[in-house]
């Protein structure tokens, strides 16, 4: 059974985003995406300070099967990357919703209106 937490926002490109307490947002790939990719072996994360433009490529996830681009979920600026994943990208396979890839500060938090709810994302991937 695919896990799709209700409190997160989703993109059609299989990223999840969640607001954190400090006003930054976390972004990672969904359970569905990690399942499709298979064993993740390498991550190319966006650089801190990079500008994100919604739906434009900002990184790469490579698995033993394929490579998949990360598409920015919203307009914003990258504020942090999850360094722990550099040496342990397979953590995403084990727990995709704890293994955020990057943090960003959105330009406009109302951009979440363009994201999918858990219900809408579930319909997309069923």
PDB file of N, CA and C in Angstrom:
ATOM      1  N   UNK A   1       0.851  -1.198   0.000  1.00  0.00           N
ATOM      2  CA  UNK A   1       0.000   0.000   0.000  1.00  0.00           C
ATOM      3  C   UNK A   1       0.888   1.251   0.000  1.00  0.00           C
ATOM      4  N   UNK A   2       0.634   2.134  -0.918  1.00  0.00           N
ATOM      5  CA  UNK A   2       1.424   3.351  -1.072  1.00  0.00           C
ATOM      6  C   UNK A   2       1.099   4.315   0.079  1.00  0.00           C
ATOM      7  N   UNK A   3       2.128   4.876   0.665  1.00  0.00           N
ATOM      8  CA  UNK A   3       1.914   5.847   1.741  1.00  0.00           C
ATOM      9  C   UNK A   3       1.831   7.259   1.149  1.00  0.00           C
ATOM     10  N   UNK A   4       0.751   7.958   1.492  1.00  0.00           N
ATOM     11  CA  UNK A   4       0.567   9.346   1.049  1.00  0.00           C
ATOM     12  C   UNK A   4       0.059  10.147   2.250  1.00  0.00           C
ATOM     13  N   UNK A   5       0.979  10.691   3.058  1.00  0.00           N
ATOM     14  CA  UNK A   5       0.550  11.442   4.254  1.00  0.00           C
ATOM     15  C   UNK A   5      -0.374  12.610   3.907  1.00  0.00           C
ATOM     16  N   UNK A   6      -1.424  12.756   4.699  1.00  0.00           N
ATOM     17  CA  UNK A   6      -2.451  13.758   4.426  1.00  0.00           C
ATOM     18  C   UNK A   6      -1.978  15.200   4.600  1.00  0.00           C
ATOM     19  N   UNK A   7      -1.011  15.430   5.485  1.00  0.00           N
ATOM     20  CA  UNK A   7      -0.632  16.799   5.817  1.00  0.00           C
ATOM     21  C   UNK A   7       0.345  17.434   4.840  1.00  0.00           C
ATOM     22  N   UNK A   8       0.821  16.669   3.865  1.00  0.00           N
ATOM     23  CA  UNK A   8       1.799  17.197   2.921  1.00  0.00           C
ATOM     24  C   UNK A   8       1.118  17.732   1.667  1.00  0.00           C
ATOM     25  N   UNK A   9       1.852  18.537   0.917  1.00  0.00           N
ATOM     26  CA  UNK A   9       1.439  18.984  -0.416  1.00  0.00           C
ATOM     27  C   UNK A   9       2.283  18.202  -1.415  1.00  0.00           C
ATOM     28  N   UNK A  10       1.746  17.986  -2.612  1.00  0.00           N
ATOM     29  CA  UNK A  10       2.426  17.159  -3.610  1.00  0.00           C
ATOM     30  C   UNK A  10       2.478  17.854  -4.965  1.00  0.00           C
ATOM     31  N   UNK A  11       3.472  17.451  -5.772  1.00  0.00           N
ATOM     32  CA  UNK A  11       3.515  17.921  -7.161  1.00  0.00           C
ATOM     33  C   UNK A  11       3.207  16.742  -8.075  1.00  0.00           C
ATOM     34  N   UNK A  12       2.799  17.037  -9.293  1.00  0.00           N
ATOM     35  CA  UNK A  12       2.539  15.989 -10.275  1.00  0.00           C
ATOM     36  C   UNK A  12       3.834  15.266 -10.649  1.00  0.00           C
ATOM     37  N   UNK A  13       4.991  15.885 -10.321  1.00  0.00           N
ATOM     38  CA  UNK A  13       6.301  15.269 -10.599  1.00  0.00           C
ATOM     39  C   UNK A  13       6.819  14.469  -9.408  1.00  0.00           C
ATOM     40  N   UNK A  14       5.935  14.162  -8.456  1.00  0.00           N
ATOM     41  CA  UNK A  14       6.228  13.235  -7.347  1.00  0.00           C
ATOM     42  C   UNK A  14       7.160  13.771  -6.279  1.00  0.00           C
ATOM     43  N   UNK A  15       7.062  15.078  -6.023  1.00  0.00           N
ATOM     44  CA  UNK A  15       7.731  15.632  -4.848  1.00  0.00           C
ATOM     45  C   UNK A  15       6.681  15.930  -3.791  1.00  0.00           C
ATOM     46  N   UNK A  16       7.085  15.829  -2.543  1.00  0.00           N
ATOM     47  CA  UNK A  16       6.238  16.301  -1.448  1.00  0.00           C
ATOM     48  C   UNK A  16       6.892  17.537  -0.843  1.00  0.00           C
ATOM     49  N   UNK A  17       6.086  18.433  -0.312  1.00  0.00           N
ATOM     50  CA  UNK A  17       6.604  19.592   0.403  1.00  0.00           C
ATOM     51  C   UNK A  17       5.821  19.776   1.697  1.00  0.00           C
ATOM     52  N   UNK A  18       6.524  20.326   2.680  1.00  0.00           N
ATOM     53  CA  UNK A  18       5.918  20.533   3.991  1.00  0.00           C
ATOM     54  C   UNK A  18       6.543  21.763   4.624  1.00  0.00           C
ATOM     55  N   UNK A  19       5.711  22.609   5.195  1.00  0.00           N
ATOM     56  CA  UNK A  19       6.224  23.787   5.883  1.00  0.00           C
ATOM     57  C   UNK A  19       6.874  23.348   7.190  1.00  0.00           C
ATOM     58  N   UNK A  20       8.036  23.910   7.499  1.00  0.00           N
ATOM     59  CA  UNK A  20       8.661  23.597   8.787  1.00  0.00           C
ATOM     60  C   UNK A  20       8.499  24.793   9.714  1.00  0.00           C
ATOM     61  N   UNK A  21       8.827  24.599  10.971  1.00  0.00           N
ATOM     62  CA  UNK A  21       8.577  25.620  11.997  1.00  0.00           C
ATOM     63  C   UNK A  21       9.318  26.930  11.747  1.00  0.00           C
ATOM     64  N   UNK A  22      10.450  26.852  11.017  1.00  0.00           N
ATOM     65  CA  UNK A  22      11.268  28.064  10.826  1.00  0.00           C
ATOM     66  C   UNK A  22      10.877  28.871   9.586  1.00  0.00           C
ATOM     67  N   UNK A  23       9.757  28.506   8.933  1.00  0.00           N
ATOM     68  CA  UNK A  23       9.311  29.253   7.754  1.00  0.00           C
ATOM     69  C   UNK A  23       9.901  28.741   6.458  1.00  0.00           C
ATOM     70  N   UNK A  24      10.877  27.836   6.558  1.00  0.00           N
ATOM     71  CA  UNK A  24      11.370  27.165   5.354  1.00  0.00           C
ATOM     72  C   UNK A  24      10.455  25.991   5.047  1.00  0.00           C
ATOM     73  N   UNK A  25      10.567  25.481   3.839  1.00  0.00           N
ATOM     74  CA  UNK A  25       9.781  24.313   3.448  1.00  0.00           C
ATOM     75  C   UNK A  25      10.730  23.174   3.116  1.00  0.00           C
ATOM     76  N   UNK A  26      10.334  21.966   3.494  1.00  0.00           N
ATOM     77  CA  UNK A  26      11.093  20.760   3.167  1.00  0.00           C
ATOM     78  C   UNK A  26      10.556  20.192   1.867  1.00  0.00           C
ATOM     79  N   UNK A  27      11.435  19.592   1.070  1.00  0.00           N
ATOM     80  CA  UNK A  27      10.997  18.924  -0.157  1.00  0.00           C
ATOM     81  C   UNK A  27      11.720  17.585  -0.278  1.00  0.00           C
ATOM     82  N   UNK A  28      10.986  16.586  -0.711  1.00  0.00           N
ATOM     83  CA  UNK A  28      11.561  15.260  -0.944  1.00  0.00           C
ATOM     84  C   UNK A  28      10.734  14.540  -1.983  1.00  0.00           C
ATOM     85  N   UNK A  29      11.108  13.304  -2.284  1.00  0.00           N
ATOM     86  CA  UNK A  29      10.326  12.549  -3.262  1.00  0.00           C
ATOM     87  C   UNK A  29       9.356  11.612  -2.546  1.00  0.00           C
ATOM     88  N   UNK A  30       8.275  11.298  -3.212  1.00  0.00           N
ATOM     89  CA  UNK A  30       7.209  10.502  -2.604  1.00  0.00           C
ATOM     90  C   UNK A  30       7.545   9.020  -2.566  1.00  0.00           C
ATOM     91  N   UNK A  31       6.769   8.318  -1.787  1.00  0.00           N
ATOM     92  CA  UNK A  31       6.882   6.866  -1.692  1.00  0.00           C
ATOM     93  C   UNK A  31       6.703   6.240  -3.078  1.00  0.00           C
ATOM     94  N   UNK A  32       5.740   6.763  -3.827  1.00  0.00           N
ATOM     95  CA  UNK A  32       5.487   6.273  -5.188  1.00  0.00           C
ATOM     96  C   UNK A  32       6.732   6.429  -6.058  1.00  0.00           C
ATOM     97  N   UNK A  33       7.373   7.595  -5.973  1.00  0.00           N
ATOM     98  CA  UNK A  33       8.557   7.870  -6.790  1.00  0.00           C
ATOM     99  C   UNK A  33       9.715   6.955  -6.423  1.00  0.00           C
ATOM    100  N   UNK A  34       9.976   6.785  -5.127  1.00  0.00           N
ATOM    101  CA  UNK A  34      11.104   5.936  -4.733  1.00  0.00           C
ATOM    102  C   UNK A  34      10.834   4.489  -5.131  1.00  0.00           C
ATOM    103  N   UNK A  35       9.560   4.092  -5.094  1.00  0.00           N
ATOM    104  CA  UNK A  35       9.186   2.731  -5.481  1.00  0.00           C
ATOM    105  C   UNK A  35       9.423   2.510  -6.978  1.00  0.00           C
ATOM    106  N   UNK A  36       9.058   3.504  -7.783  1.00  0.00           N
ATOM    107  CA  UNK A  36       9.298   3.439  -9.235  1.00  0.00           C
ATOM    108  C   UNK A  36      10.789   3.395  -9.566  1.00  0.00           C
ATOM    109  N   UNK A  37      11.556   4.228  -8.865  1.00  0.00           N
ATOM    110  CA  UNK A  37      12.985   4.342  -9.144  1.00  0.00           C
ATOM    111  C   UNK A  37      13.759   3.090  -8.749  1.00  0.00           C
ATOM    112  N   UNK A  38      13.349   2.456  -7.666  1.00  0.00           N
ATOM    113  CA  UNK A  38      14.132   1.343  -7.138  1.00  0.00           C
ATOM    114  C   UNK A  38      15.254   1.886  -6.260  1.00  0.00           C
ATOM    115  N   UNK A  39      16.306   1.095  -6.090  1.00  0.00           N
ATOM    116  CA  UNK A  39      17.373   1.458  -5.147  1.00  0.00           C
ATOM    117  C   UNK A  39      18.085   2.737  -5.572  1.00  0.00           C
ATOM    118  N   UNK A  40      17.968   3.766  -4.743  1.00  0.00           N
ATOM    119  CA  UNK A  40      18.580   5.064  -5.029  1.00  0.00           C
ATOM    120  C   UNK A  40      20.055   5.023  -4.642  1.00  0.00           C
ATOM    121  N   UNK A  41      20.918   5.421  -5.585  1.00  0.00           N
ATOM    122  CA  UNK A  41      22.368   5.327  -5.366  1.00  0.00           C
ATOM    123  C   UNK A  41      23.070   6.678  -5.367  1.00  0.00           C
ATOM    124  N   UNK A  42      22.423   7.725  -5.875  1.00  0.00           N
ATOM    125  CA  UNK A  42      23.092   9.014  -5.983  1.00  0.00           C
ATOM    126  C   UNK A  42      22.073  10.139  -6.040  1.00  0.00           C
ATOM    127  N   UNK A  43      22.409  11.251  -5.393  1.00  0.00           N
ATOM    128  CA  UNK A  43      21.570  12.441  -5.428  1.00  0.00           C
ATOM    129  C   UNK A  43      22.398  13.634  -5.860  1.00  0.00           C
ATOM    130  N   UNK A  44      21.868  14.384  -6.796  1.00  0.00           N
ATOM    131  CA  UNK A  44      22.460  15.675  -7.126  1.00  0.00           C
ATOM    132  C   UNK A  44      21.480  16.711  -6.603  1.00  0.00           C
ATOM    133  N   UNK A  45      21.862  17.371  -5.518  1.00  0.00           N
ATOM    134  CA  UNK A  45      20.949  18.311  -4.863  1.00  0.00           C
ATOM    135  C   UNK A  45      21.165  19.722  -5.398  1.00  0.00           C
ATOM    136  N   UNK A  46      20.134  20.542  -5.288  1.00  0.00           N
ATOM    137  CA  UNK A  46      20.331  21.943  -5.691  1.00  0.00           C
ATOM    138  C   UNK A  46      21.333  22.598  -4.746  1.00  0.00           C
ATOM    139  N   UNK A  47      21.988  23.626  -5.210  1.00  0.00           N
ATOM    140  CA  UNK A  47      22.965  24.332  -4.365  1.00  0.00           C
ATOM    141  C   UNK A  47      22.268  25.360  -3.483  1.00  0.00           C
ATOM    142  N   UNK A  48      22.766  25.506  -2.269  1.00  0.00           N
ATOM    143  CA  UNK A  48      22.228  26.499  -1.340  1.00  0.00           C
ATOM    144  C   UNK A  48      22.364  27.883  -1.979  1.00  0.00           C
ATOM    145  N   UNK A  49      21.288  28.645  -1.925  1.00  0.00           N
ATOM    146  CA  UNK A  49      21.287  29.973  -2.535  1.00  0.00           C
ATOM    147  C   UNK A  49      20.725  29.988  -3.946  1.00  0.00           C
ATOM    148  N   UNK A  50      20.584  28.795  -4.557  1.00  0.00           N
ATOM    149  CA  UNK A  50      20.009  28.726  -5.907  1.00  0.00           C
ATOM    150  C   UNK A  50      18.548  29.159  -5.898  1.00  0.00           C
ATOM    151  N   UNK A  51      18.164  29.832  -6.967  1.00  0.00           N
ATOM    152  CA  UNK A  51      16.764  30.212  -7.157  1.00  0.00           C
ATOM    153  C   UNK A  51      16.020  29.016  -7.742  1.00  0.00           C
ATOM    154  N   UNK A  52      14.864  28.715  -7.157  1.00  0.00           N
ATOM    155  CA  UNK A  52      14.001  27.663  -7.688  1.00  0.00           C
ATOM    156  C   UNK A  52      12.908  28.310  -8.520  1.00  0.00           C
ATOM    157  N   UNK A  53      12.647  27.739  -9.676  1.00  0.00           N
ATOM    158  CA  UNK A  53      11.530  28.172 -10.502  1.00  0.00           C
ATOM    159  C   UNK A  53      10.608  26.967 -10.642  1.00  0.00           C
ATOM    160  N   UNK A  54       9.363  27.149 -10.213  1.00  0.00           N
ATOM    161  CA  UNK A  54       8.402  26.045 -10.177  1.00  0.00           C
ATOM    162  C   UNK A  54       8.429  25.247 -11.476  1.00  0.00           C
ATOM    163  N   UNK A  55       8.486  23.940 -11.344  1.00  0.00           N
ATOM    164  CA  UNK A  55       8.442  22.972 -12.441  1.00  0.00           C
ATOM    165  C   UNK A  55       9.688  22.979 -13.322  1.00  0.00           C
ATOM    166  N   UNK A  56      10.757  23.654 -12.877  1.00  0.00           N
ATOM    167  CA  UNK A  56      12.023  23.552 -13.601  1.00  0.00           C
ATOM    168  C   UNK A  56      12.968  22.637 -12.821  1.00  0.00           C
ATOM    169  N   UNK A  57      13.825  21.957 -13.558  1.00  0.00           N
ATOM    170  CA  UNK A  57      14.743  21.005 -12.946  1.00  0.00           C
ATOM    171  C   UNK A  57      15.654  21.700 -11.937  1.00  0.00           C
ATOM    172  N   UNK A  58      15.843  21.054 -10.770  1.00  0.00           N
ATOM    173  CA  UNK A  58      16.725  21.632  -9.750  1.00  0.00           C
ATOM    174  C   UNK A  58      17.651  20.590  -9.136  1.00  0.00           C
ATOM    175  N   UNK A  59      17.608  19.376  -9.658  1.00  0.00           N
ATOM    176  CA  UNK A  59      18.459  18.331  -9.107  1.00  0.00           C
ATOM    177  C   UNK A  59      18.186  17.008  -9.809  1.00  0.00           C
ATOM    178  N   UNK A  60      18.791  15.951  -9.283  1.00  0.00           N
ATOM    179  CA  UNK A  60      18.695  14.643  -9.932  1.00  0.00           C
ATOM    180  C   UNK A  60      18.720  13.545  -8.880  1.00  0.00           C
ATOM    181  N   UNK A  61      17.894  12.530  -9.097  1.00  0.00           N
ATOM    182  CA  UNK A  61      17.929  11.329  -8.267  1.00  0.00           C
ATOM    183  C   UNK A  61      18.295  10.184  -9.196  1.00  0.00           C
ATOM    184  N   UNK A  62      19.369   9.458  -8.863  1.00  0.00           N
ATOM    185  CA  UNK A  62      19.756   8.315  -9.686  1.00  0.00           C
ATOM    186  C   UNK A  62      19.571   7.030  -8.906  1.00  0.00           C
ATOM    187  N   UNK A  63      18.988   6.047  -9.591  1.00  0.00           N
ATOM    188  CA  UNK A  63      18.830   4.729  -8.998  1.00  0.00           C
ATOM    189  C   UNK A  63      19.581   3.733  -9.863  1.00  0.00           C
ATOM    190  N   UNK A  64      19.583   2.470  -9.431  1.00  0.00           N
ATOM    191  CA  UNK A  64      20.252   1.449 -10.231  1.00  0.00           C
ATOM    192  C   UNK A  64      19.582   1.297 -11.594  1.00  0.00           C
ATOM    193  N   UNK A  65      18.296   1.681 -11.679  1.00  0.00           N
ATOM    194  CA  UNK A  65      17.551   1.518 -12.932  1.00  0.00           C
ATOM    195  C   UNK A  65      17.615   2.729 -13.846  1.00  0.00           C
ATOM    196  N   UNK A  66      17.566   3.934 -13.267  1.00  0.00           N
ATOM    197  CA  UNK A  66      17.355   5.126 -14.089  1.00  0.00           C
ATOM    198  C   UNK A  66      17.738   6.394 -13.330  1.00  0.00           C
ATOM    199  N   UNK A  67      17.730   7.505 -14.032  1.00  0.00           N
ATOM    200  CA  UNK A  67      17.906   8.811 -13.386  1.00  0.00           C
ATOM    201  C   UNK A  67      16.614   9.588 -13.546  1.00  0.00           C
ATOM    202  N   UNK A  68      16.282  10.383 -12.567  1.00  0.00           N
ATOM    203  CA  UNK A  68      15.053  11.164 -12.629  1.00  0.00           C
ATOM    204  C   UNK A  68      15.331  12.572 -12.113  1.00  0.00           C
ATOM    205  N   UNK A  69      14.911  13.564 -12.876  1.00  0.00           N
ATOM    206  CA  UNK A  69      15.149  14.940 -12.456  1.00  0.00           C
ATOM    207  C   UNK A  69      14.207  15.316 -11.312  1.00  0.00           C
ATOM    208  N   UNK A  70      14.706  16.182 -10.455  1.00  0.00           N
ATOM    209  CA  UNK A  70      13.868  16.800  -9.424  1.00  0.00           C
ATOM    210  C   UNK A  70      13.358  18.116 -10.000  1.00  0.00           C
ATOM    211  N   UNK A  71      12.053  18.319  -9.923  1.00  0.00           N
ATOM    212  CA  UNK A  71      11.473  19.557 -10.426  1.00  0.00           C
ATOM    213  C   UNK A  71      11.029  20.410  -9.248  1.00  0.00           C
ATOM    214  N   UNK A  72      11.435  21.666  -9.261  1.00  0.00           N
ATOM    215  CA  UNK A  72      11.114  22.571  -8.153  1.00  0.00           C
ATOM    216  C   UNK A  72       9.604  22.613  -7.916  1.00  0.00           C
ATOM    217  N   UNK A  73       9.192  22.450  -6.666  1.00  0.00           N
ATOM    218  CA  UNK A  73       7.756  22.451  -6.376  1.00  0.00           C
ATOM    219  C   UNK A  73       7.126  23.846  -6.402  1.00  0.00           C
ATOM    220  N   UNK A  74       7.927  24.858  -6.073  1.00  0.00           N
ATOM    221  CA  UNK A  74       7.430  26.232  -5.995  1.00  0.00           C
ATOM    222  C   UNK A  74       8.589  27.166  -6.325  1.00  0.00           C
ATOM    223  N   UNK A  75       8.281  28.428  -6.594  1.00  0.00           N
ATOM    224  CA  UNK A  75       9.335  29.437  -6.738  1.00  0.00           C
ATOM    225  C   UNK A  75       9.920  29.708  -5.357  1.00  0.00           C
ATOM    226  N   UNK A  76      11.239  29.843  -5.294  1.00  0.00           N
ATOM    227  CA  UNK A  76      11.851  30.110  -4.001  1.00  0.00           C
ATOM    228  C   UNK A  76      13.362  30.090  -4.087  1.00  0.00           C
ATOM    229  N   UNK A  77      13.990  30.003  -2.922  1.00  0.00           N
ATOM    230  CA  UNK A  77      15.443  29.958  -2.825  1.00  0.00           C
ATOM    231  C   UNK A  77      15.829  28.793  -1.928  1.00  0.00           C
ATOM    232  N   UNK A  78      16.811  28.010  -2.367  1.00  0.00           N
ATOM    233  CA  UNK A  78      17.288  26.864  -1.587  1.00  0.00           C
ATOM    234  C   UNK A  78      18.043  27.380  -0.362  1.00  0.00           C
ATOM    235  N   UNK A  79      17.639  26.921   0.828  1.00  0.00           N
ATOM    236  CA  UNK A  79      18.264  27.396   2.065  1.00  0.00           C
ATOM    237  C   UNK A  79      19.132  26.330   2.731  1.00  0.00           C
ATOM    238  N   UNK A  80      18.903  25.060   2.413  1.00  0.00           N
ATOM    239  CA  UNK A  80      19.659  23.981   3.040  1.00  0.00           C
ATOM    240  C   UNK A  80      19.488  22.723   2.204  1.00  0.00           C
ATOM    241  N   UNK A  81      20.484  21.839   2.255  1.00  0.00           N
ATOM    242  CA  UNK A  81      20.346  20.516   1.643  1.00  0.00           C
ATOM    243  C   UNK A  81      20.621  19.479   2.721  1.00  0.00           C
ATOM    244  N   UNK A  82      20.065  18.308   2.553  1.00  0.00           N
ATOM    245  CA  UNK A  82      20.207  17.234   3.538  1.00  0.00           C
ATOM    246  C   UNK A  82      21.514  16.478   3.285  1.00  0.00           C
ATOM    247  N   UNK A  83      22.590  16.962   3.910  1.00  0.00           N
ATOM    248  CA  UNK A  83      23.925  16.396   3.692  1.00  0.00           C
ATOM    249  C   UNK A  83      23.983  14.909   4.032  1.00  0.00           C
ATOM    250  N   UNK A  84      23.174  14.477   5.003  1.00  0.00           N
ATOM    251  CA  UNK A  84      23.188  13.071   5.417  1.00  0.00           C
ATOM    252  C   UNK A  84      22.881  12.141   4.241  1.00  0.00           C
ATOM    253  N   UNK A  85      22.074  12.631   3.294  1.00  0.00           N
ATOM    254  CA  UNK A  85      21.698  11.797   2.145  1.00  0.00           C
ATOM    255  C   UNK A  85      22.830  11.639   1.132  1.00  0.00           C
ATOM    256  N   UNK A  86      23.852  12.501   1.212  1.00  0.00           N
ATOM    257  CA  UNK A  86      24.967  12.397   0.276  1.00  0.00           C
ATOM    258  C   UNK A  86      25.626  11.020   0.386  1.00  0.00           C
ATOM    259  N   UNK A  87      25.817  10.578   1.619  1.00  0.00           N
ATOM    260  CA  UNK A  87      26.449   9.281   1.853  1.00  0.00           C
ATOM    261  C   UNK A  87      25.443   8.145   2.000  1.00  0.00           C
ATOM    262  N   UNK A  88      24.172   8.481   2.192  1.00  0.00           N
ATOM    263  CA  UNK A  88      23.149   7.461   2.403  1.00  0.00           C
ATOM    264  C   UNK A  88      21.895   7.751   1.604  1.00  0.00           C
ATOM    265  N   UNK A  89      22.013   7.857   0.265  1.00  0.00           N
ATOM    266  CA  UNK A  89      20.809   8.188  -0.522  1.00  0.00           C
ATOM    267  C   UNK A  89      19.713   7.134  -0.402  1.00  0.00           C
ATOM    268  N   UNK A  90      20.114   5.894  -0.050  1.00  0.00           N
ATOM    269  CA  UNK A  90      19.128   4.812   0.085  1.00  0.00           C
ATOM    270  C   UNK A  90      18.155   5.055   1.245  1.00  0.00           C
ATOM    271  N   UNK A  91      18.459   6.014   2.122  1.00  0.00           N
ATOM    272  CA  UNK A  91      17.530   6.366   3.207  1.00  0.00           C
ATOM    273  C   UNK A  91      16.182   6.798   2.632  1.00  0.00           C
ATOM    274  N   UNK A  92      16.215   7.359   1.431  1.00  0.00           N
ATOM    275  CA  UNK A  92      14.968   7.771   0.775  1.00  0.00           C
ATOM    276  C   UNK A  92      14.086   6.555   0.496  1.00  0.00           C
ATOM    277  N   UNK A  93      14.709   5.437   0.092  1.00  0.00           N
ATOM    278  CA  UNK A  93      13.933   4.219  -0.141  1.00  0.00           C
ATOM    279  C   UNK A  93      13.281   3.736   1.156  1.00  0.00           C
ATOM    280  N   UNK A  94      14.025   3.838   2.255  1.00  0.00           N
ATOM    281  CA  UNK A  94      13.540   3.328   3.533  1.00  0.00           C
ATOM    282  C   UNK A  94      12.441   4.196   4.118  1.00  0.00           C
ATOM    283  N   UNK A  95      12.586   5.505   3.983  1.00  0.00           N
ATOM    284  CA  UNK A  95      11.621   6.402   4.603  1.00  0.00           C
ATOM    285  C   UNK A  95      11.528   7.712   3.827  1.00  0.00           C
ATOM    286  N   UNK A  96      10.807   7.699   2.699  1.00  0.00           N
ATOM    287  CA  UNK A  96      10.796   8.867   1.815  1.00  0.00           C
ATOM    288  C   UNK A  96      10.255  10.144   2.454  1.00  0.00           C
ATOM    289  N   UNK A  97       9.381  10.010   3.464  1.00  0.00           N
ATOM    290  CA  UNK A  97       8.786  11.219   4.036  1.00  0.00           C
ATOM    291  C   UNK A  97       9.577  11.787   5.211  1.00  0.00           C
ATOM    292  N   UNK A  98      10.580  11.058   5.692  1.00  0.00           N
ATOM    293  CA  UNK A  98      11.498  11.607   6.696  1.00  0.00           C
ATOM    294  C   UNK A  98      12.751  12.141   6.012  1.00  0.00           C
ATOM    295  N   UNK A  99      13.032  11.632   4.808  1.00  0.00           N
ATOM    296  CA  UNK A  99      14.282  11.949   4.102  1.00  0.00           C
ATOM    297  C   UNK A  99      14.097  13.110   3.143  1.00  0.00           C
ATOM    298  N   UNK A 100      13.980  14.304   3.718  1.00  0.00           N
ATOM    299  CA  UNK A 100      13.875  15.494   2.867  1.00  0.00           C
ATOM    300  C   UNK A 100      15.197  15.689   2.123  1.00  0.00           C
ATOM    301  N   UNK A 101      15.111  16.232   0.924  1.00  0.00           N
ATOM    302  CA  UNK A 101      16.302  16.416   0.082  1.00  0.00           C
ATOM    303  C   UNK A 101      16.827  17.841   0.205  1.00  0.00           C
ATOM    304  N   UNK A 102      15.914  18.813   0.161  1.00  0.00           N
ATOM    305  CA  UNK A 102      16.352  20.199   0.335  1.00  0.00           C
ATOM    306  C   UNK A 102      15.280  21.013   1.041  1.00  0.00           C
ATOM    307  N   UNK A 103      15.723  22.132   1.628  1.00  0.00           N
ATOM    308  CA  UNK A 103      14.815  23.107   2.227  1.00  0.00           C
ATOM    309  C   UNK A 103      14.835  24.342   1.352  1.00  0.00           C
ATOM    310  N   UNK A 104      13.712  25.021   1.307  1.00  0.00           N
ATOM    311  CA  UNK A 104      13.660  26.256   0.526  1.00  0.00           C
ATOM    312  C   UNK A 104      12.734  27.263   1.182  1.00  0.00           C
ATOM    313  N   UNK A 105      12.980  28.515   0.848  1.00  0.00           N
ATOM    314  CA  UNK A 105      12.130  29.616   1.304  1.00  0.00           C
ATOM    315  C   UNK A 105      11.283  30.020   0.099  1.00  0.00           C
ATOM    316  N   UNK A 106       9.968  29.785   0.146  1.00  0.00           N
ATOM    317  CA  UNK A 106       9.142  30.133  -1.015  1.00  0.00           C
ATOM    318  C   UNK A 106       9.014  31.642  -1.194  1.00  0.00           C
ATOM    319  N   UNK A 107       8.877  32.061  -2.446  1.00  0.00           N
ATOM    320  CA  UNK A 107       8.640  33.466  -2.757  1.00  0.00           C
ATOM    321  C   UNK A 107       7.249  33.859  -2.244  1.00  0.00           C
ATOM    322  N   UNK A 108       6.286  32.989  -2.456  1.00  0.00           N
ATOM    323  CA  UNK A 108       4.900  33.263  -2.083  1.00  0.00           C
ATOM    324  C   UNK A 108       4.269  31.969  -1.587  1.00  0.00           C
ATOM    325  N   UNK A 109       3.923  31.908  -0.298  1.00  0.00           N
ATOM    326  CA  UNK A 109       3.380  30.653   0.232  1.00  0.00           C
ATOM    327  C   UNK A 109       2.022  30.300  -0.390  1.00  0.00           C
ATOM    328  N   UNK A 110       1.380  31.261  -1.037  1.00  0.00           N
ATOM    329  CA  UNK A 110       0.115  30.948  -1.703  1.00  0.00           C
ATOM    330  C   UNK A 110       0.331  30.068  -2.937  1.00  0.00           C
ATOM    331  N   UNK A 111       1.594  29.906  -3.353  1.00  0.00           N
ATOM    332  CA  UNK A 111       1.897  28.980  -4.456  1.00  0.00           C
ATOM    333  C   UNK A 111       1.465  27.547  -4.127  1.00  0.00           C
ATOM    334  N   UNK A 112       1.242  27.259  -2.848  1.00  0.00           N
ATOM    335  CA  UNK A 112       0.784  25.910  -2.487  1.00  0.00           C
ATOM    336  C   UNK A 112      -0.568  25.610  -3.126  1.00  0.00           C
ATOM    337  N   UNK A 113      -1.302  26.647  -3.520  1.00  0.00           N
ATOM    338  CA  UNK A 113      -2.600  26.431  -4.177  1.00  0.00           C
ATOM    339  C   UNK A 113      -2.434  25.675  -5.495  1.00  0.00           C
ATOM    340  N   UNK A 114      -1.214  25.718  -6.068  1.00  0.00           N
ATOM    341  CA  UNK A 114      -0.966  25.002  -7.323  1.00  0.00           C
ATOM    342  C   UNK A 114      -0.542  23.554  -7.083  1.00  0.00           C
ATOM    343  N   UNK A 115      -0.361  23.193  -5.806  1.00  0.00           N
ATOM    344  CA  UNK A 115       0.091  21.838  -5.489  1.00  0.00           C
ATOM    345  C   UNK A 115      -1.107  20.929  -5.259  1.00  0.00           C
ATOM    346  N   UNK A 116      -0.839  19.641  -5.226  1.00  0.00           N
ATOM    347  CA  UNK A 116      -1.903  18.653  -5.056  1.00  0.00           C
ATOM    348  C   UNK A 116      -2.085  18.301  -3.582  1.00  0.00           C
ATOM    349  N   UNK A 117      -3.335  18.047  -3.217  1.00  0.00           N
ATOM    350  CA  UNK A 117      -3.613  17.495  -1.891  1.00  0.00           C
ATOM    351  C   UNK A 117      -3.261  16.007  -1.927  1.00  0.00           C
ATOM    352  N   UNK A 118      -3.240  15.382  -0.760  1.00  0.00           N
ATOM    353  CA  UNK A 118      -2.983  13.937  -0.690  1.00  0.00           C
ATOM    354  C   UNK A 118      -4.009  13.172  -1.537  1.00  0.00           C
ATOM    355  N   UNK A 119      -5.261  13.601  -1.466  1.00  0.00           N
ATOM    356  CA  UNK A 119      -6.330  12.921  -2.218  1.00  0.00           C
ATOM    357  C   UNK A 119      -6.098  13.032  -3.724  1.00  0.00           C
ATOM    358  N   UNK A 120      -5.747  14.249  -4.168  1.00  0.00           N
ATOM    359  CA  UNK A 120      -5.522  14.465  -5.598  1.00  0.00           C
ATOM    360  C   UNK A 120      -4.295  13.690  -6.070  1.00  0.00           C
ATOM    361  N   UNK A 121      -3.262  13.647  -5.236  1.00  0.00           N
ATOM    362  CA  UNK A 121      -2.052  12.910  -5.597  1.00  0.00           C
ATOM    363  C   UNK A 121      -2.351  11.407  -5.676  1.00  0.00           C
ATOM    364  N   UNK A 122      -3.143  10.911  -4.746  1.00  0.00           N
ATOM    365  CA  UNK A 122      -3.527   9.494  -4.746  1.00  0.00           C
ATOM    366  C   UNK A 122      -4.244   9.129  -6.050  1.00  0.00           C
ATOM    367  N   UNK A 123      -5.133  10.011  -6.505  1.00  0.00           N
ATOM    368  CA  UNK A 123      -5.836   9.773  -7.784  1.00  0.00           C
ATOM    369  C   UNK A 123      -4.862   9.760  -8.947  1.00  0.00           C
ATOM    370  N   UNK A 124      -3.874  10.676  -8.914  1.00  0.00           N
ATOM    371  CA  UNK A 124      -2.890  10.763  -9.986  1.00  0.00           C
ATOM    372  C   UNK A 124      -2.089   9.468 -10.154  1.00  0.00           C
ATOM    373  N   UNK A 125      -1.740   8.846  -9.041  1.00  0.00           N
ATOM    374  CA  UNK A 125      -0.839   7.679  -9.095  1.00  0.00           C
ATOM    375  C   UNK A 125      -1.558   6.333  -9.064  1.00  0.00           C
ATOM    376  N   UNK A 126      -2.885   6.355  -8.903  1.00  0.00           N
ATOM    377  CA  UNK A 126      -3.574   5.058  -8.817  1.00  0.00           C
ATOM    378  C   UNK A 126      -3.645   4.324 -10.142  1.00  0.00           C
TER     379      UNK A 126
END
